[in-house]
Amino acid sequence: MFTDLDVASAIKSVMKKLPEVTLAFWIMKIAATTLGETAGDLFAQTLKLGYFLTTIALFLLFVVTLVVQLRSRRYNPFFYWTVILSTSMAAPRCPTS
């Protein structure tokens, strides 16, 4: 059974890994999303890997970056934004007409 102290400690631990939400955060988020979409299309269309292989490869990259971020003890901007970028890249691709 968890005590209030255990819950408070867990919340503090999680909050240490999150960035402050500011204008810079939103600029980085938009840039990461745009770059992620572009990189996903690069692999699928330009390099002709296909949508299935690209989705699998980028999903595995996402899992690796997520595990690294979750294992970190405090907020590391590089790890955090790598997860955001890989999330955008791992999104399923739909062929365009």
C-alpha atoms as a PDB file:
ATOM      1  CA  MET A   1       0.000   0.000   0.000  1.00  0.00           C
ATOM      2  CA  PHE A   2       1.271   3.459  -0.940  1.00  0.00           C
ATOM      3  CA  THR A   3       1.529   6.288   1.522  1.00  0.00           C
ATOM      4  CA  ASP A   4       1.110   9.963   0.695  1.00  0.00           C
ATOM      5  CA  LEU A   5       4.878  10.316   0.972  1.00  0.00           C
ATOM      6  CA  ASP A   6       5.444   7.576  -1.649  1.00  0.00           C
ATOM      7  CA  VAL A   7       3.007   9.226  -4.064  1.00  0.00           C
ATOM      8  CA  ALA A   8       4.574  12.660  -3.549  1.00  0.00           C
ATOM      9  CA  SER A   9       8.032  11.213  -4.145  1.00  0.00           C
ATOM     10  CA  ALA A  10       6.873   9.512  -7.357  1.00  0.00           C
ATOM     11  CA  ILE A  11       5.291  12.737  -8.618  1.00  0.00           C
ATOM     12  CA  LYS A  12       8.501  14.686  -7.894  1.00  0.00           C
ATOM     13  CA  SER A  13      10.512  12.064  -9.782  1.00  0.00           C
ATOM     14  CA  VAL A  14       8.265  12.349 -12.847  1.00  0.00           C
ATOM     15  CA  MET A  15       8.194  16.148 -12.754  1.00  0.00           C
ATOM     16  CA  LYS A  16      12.011  16.241 -12.843  1.00  0.00           C
ATOM     17  CA  LYS A  17      11.863  14.670 -16.322  1.00  0.00           C
ATOM     18  CA  LEU A  18       9.461  17.195 -17.871  1.00  0.00           C
ATOM     19  CA  PRO A  19      10.442  20.475 -19.508  1.00  0.00           C
ATOM     20  CA  GLU A  20       8.924  23.791 -18.596  1.00  0.00           C
ATOM     21  CA  VAL A  21       6.171  24.591 -21.108  1.00  0.00           C
ATOM     22  CA  THR A  22       7.190  27.909 -22.649  1.00  0.00           C
ATOM     23  CA  LEU A  23       7.235  29.482 -26.093  1.00  0.00           C
ATOM     24  CA  ALA A  24      10.559  27.715 -26.739  1.00  0.00           C
ATOM     25  CA  PHE A  25       8.872  24.391 -25.912  1.00  0.00           C
ATOM     26  CA  TRP A  26       6.168  24.947 -28.527  1.00  0.00           C
ATOM     27  CA  ILE A  27       8.678  26.045 -31.148  1.00  0.00           C
ATOM     28  CA  MET A  28      10.727  22.884 -30.529  1.00  0.00           C
ATOM     29  CA  LYS A  29       7.567  20.728 -30.567  1.00  0.00           C
ATOM     30  CA  ILE A  30       6.468  22.102 -33.942  1.00  0.00           C
ATOM     31  CA  ALA A  31       9.983  21.730 -35.352  1.00  0.00           C
ATOM     32  CA  ALA A  32      10.272  18.137 -34.075  1.00  0.00           C
ATOM     33  CA  THR A  33       6.881  17.198 -35.502  1.00  0.00           C
ATOM     34  CA  THR A  34       7.713  18.701 -38.884  1.00  0.00           C
ATOM     35  CA  LEU A  35      11.138  17.058 -38.952  1.00  0.00           C
ATOM     36  CA  GLY A  36       9.636  13.748 -37.837  1.00  0.00           C
ATOM     37  CA  GLU A  37       7.050  13.744 -40.615  1.00  0.00           C
ATOM     38  CA  THR A  38       9.678  14.684 -43.187  1.00  0.00           C
ATOM     39  CA  ALA A  39      12.084  11.975 -42.008  1.00  0.00           C
ATOM     40  CA  GLY A  40       9.340   9.336 -42.091  1.00  0.00           C
ATOM     41  CA  ASP A  41       8.468  10.284 -45.662  1.00  0.00           C
ATOM     42  CA  LEU A  42      12.154  10.261 -46.587  1.00  0.00           C
ATOM     43  CA  PHE A  43      12.533   6.642 -45.531  1.00  0.00           C
ATOM     44  CA  ALA A  44       9.231   5.458 -46.978  1.00  0.00           C
ATOM     45  CA  GLN A  45       9.147   7.285 -50.303  1.00  0.00           C
ATOM     46  CA  THR A  46      12.545   8.691 -51.215  1.00  0.00           C
ATOM     47  CA  LEU A  47      14.581   5.687 -50.073  1.00  0.00           C
ATOM     48  CA  LYS A  48      11.783   3.378 -51.280  1.00  0.00           C
ATOM     49  CA  LEU A  49      11.728   1.225 -48.144  1.00  0.00           C
ATOM     50  CA  GLY A  50       7.946   1.110 -48.213  1.00  0.00           C
ATOM     51  CA  TYR A  51       5.483   2.106 -45.565  1.00  0.00           C
ATOM     52  CA  PHE A  52       5.483  -1.179 -43.649  1.00  0.00           C
ATOM     53  CA  LEU A  53       9.269  -1.455 -43.217  1.00  0.00           C
ATOM     54  CA  THR A  54       9.573   2.235 -42.420  1.00  0.00           C
ATOM     55  CA  THR A  55       6.867   2.032 -39.758  1.00  0.00           C
ATOM     56  CA  ILE A  56       8.481  -1.022 -38.126  1.00  0.00           C
ATOM     57  CA  ALA A  57      12.000   0.496 -38.164  1.00  0.00           C
ATOM     58  CA  LEU A  58      10.895   3.861 -36.822  1.00  0.00           C
ATOM     59  CA  PHE A  59       8.686   2.269 -34.174  1.00  0.00           C
ATOM     60  CA  LEU A  60      11.703   0.314 -32.916  1.00  0.00           C
ATOM     61  CA  LEU A  61      13.703   3.551 -32.841  1.00  0.00           C
ATOM     62  CA  PHE A  62      10.889   5.120 -30.816  1.00  0.00           C
ATOM     63  CA  VAL A  63      10.929   2.242 -28.300  1.00  0.00           C
ATOM     64  CA  VAL A  64      14.701   2.563 -27.827  1.00  0.00           C
ATOM     65  CA  THR A  65      14.530   6.336 -27.284  1.00  0.00           C
ATOM     66  CA  LEU A  66      11.590   5.950 -24.903  1.00  0.00           C
ATOM     67  CA  VAL A  67      13.423   3.377 -22.778  1.00  0.00           C
ATOM     68  CA  VAL A  68      16.471   5.654 -22.557  1.00  0.00           C
ATOM     69  CA  GLN A  69      14.277   8.589 -21.474  1.00  0.00           C
ATOM     70  CA  LEU A  70      12.387   6.542 -18.895  1.00  0.00           C
ATOM     71  CA  ARG A  71      15.609   5.232 -17.372  1.00  0.00           C
ATOM     72  CA  SER A  72      17.098   8.702 -16.966  1.00  0.00           C
ATOM     73  CA  ARG A  73      16.997  10.081 -13.448  1.00  0.00           C
ATOM     74  CA  ARG A  74      16.306  13.706 -14.377  1.00  0.00           C
ATOM     75  CA  TYR A  75      15.224  15.858 -17.290  1.00  0.00           C
ATOM     76  CA  ASN A  76      17.673  15.706 -20.168  1.00  0.00           C
ATOM     77  CA  PRO A  77      16.610  17.915 -23.093  1.00  0.00           C
ATOM     78  CA  PHE A  78      18.383  15.757 -25.672  1.00  0.00           C
ATOM     79  CA  PHE A  79      16.620  12.547 -24.555  1.00  0.00           C
ATOM     80  CA  TYR A  80      13.263  14.294 -24.215  1.00  0.00           C
ATOM     81  CA  TRP A  81      13.319  15.825 -27.701  1.00  0.00           C
ATOM     82  CA  THR A  82      14.653  12.607 -29.228  1.00  0.00           C
ATOM     83  CA  VAL A  83      11.539  10.838 -27.935  1.00  0.00           C
ATOM     84  CA  ILE A  84       9.309  13.601 -29.312  1.00  0.00           C
ATOM     85  CA  LEU A  85      11.052  13.390 -32.689  1.00  0.00           C
ATOM     86  CA  SER A  86      10.889   9.586 -32.820  1.00  0.00           C
ATOM     87  CA  THR A  87       7.199   9.691 -31.866  1.00  0.00           C
ATOM     88  CA  SER A  88       6.504  11.852 -34.900  1.00  0.00           C
ATOM     89  CA  MET A  89       8.625   9.610 -37.116  1.00  0.00           C
ATOM     90  CA  ALA A  90       6.969   6.398 -35.922  1.00  0.00           C
ATOM     91  CA  ALA A  91       3.462   7.535 -36.865  1.00  0.00           C
ATOM     92  CA  PRO A  92       1.921   5.196 -39.451  1.00  0.00           C
ATOM     93  CA  ARG A  93       2.285   6.382 -43.012  1.00  0.00           C
ATOM     94  CA  CYS A  94      -0.516   6.370 -45.544  1.00  0.00           C
ATOM     95  CA  PRO A  95       0.273   6.266 -49.243  1.00  0.00           C
ATOM     96  CA  THR A  96      -0.737   9.423 -51.071  1.00  0.00           C
ATOM     97  CA  SER A  97      -2.787   9.273 -54.230  1.00  0.00           C
END
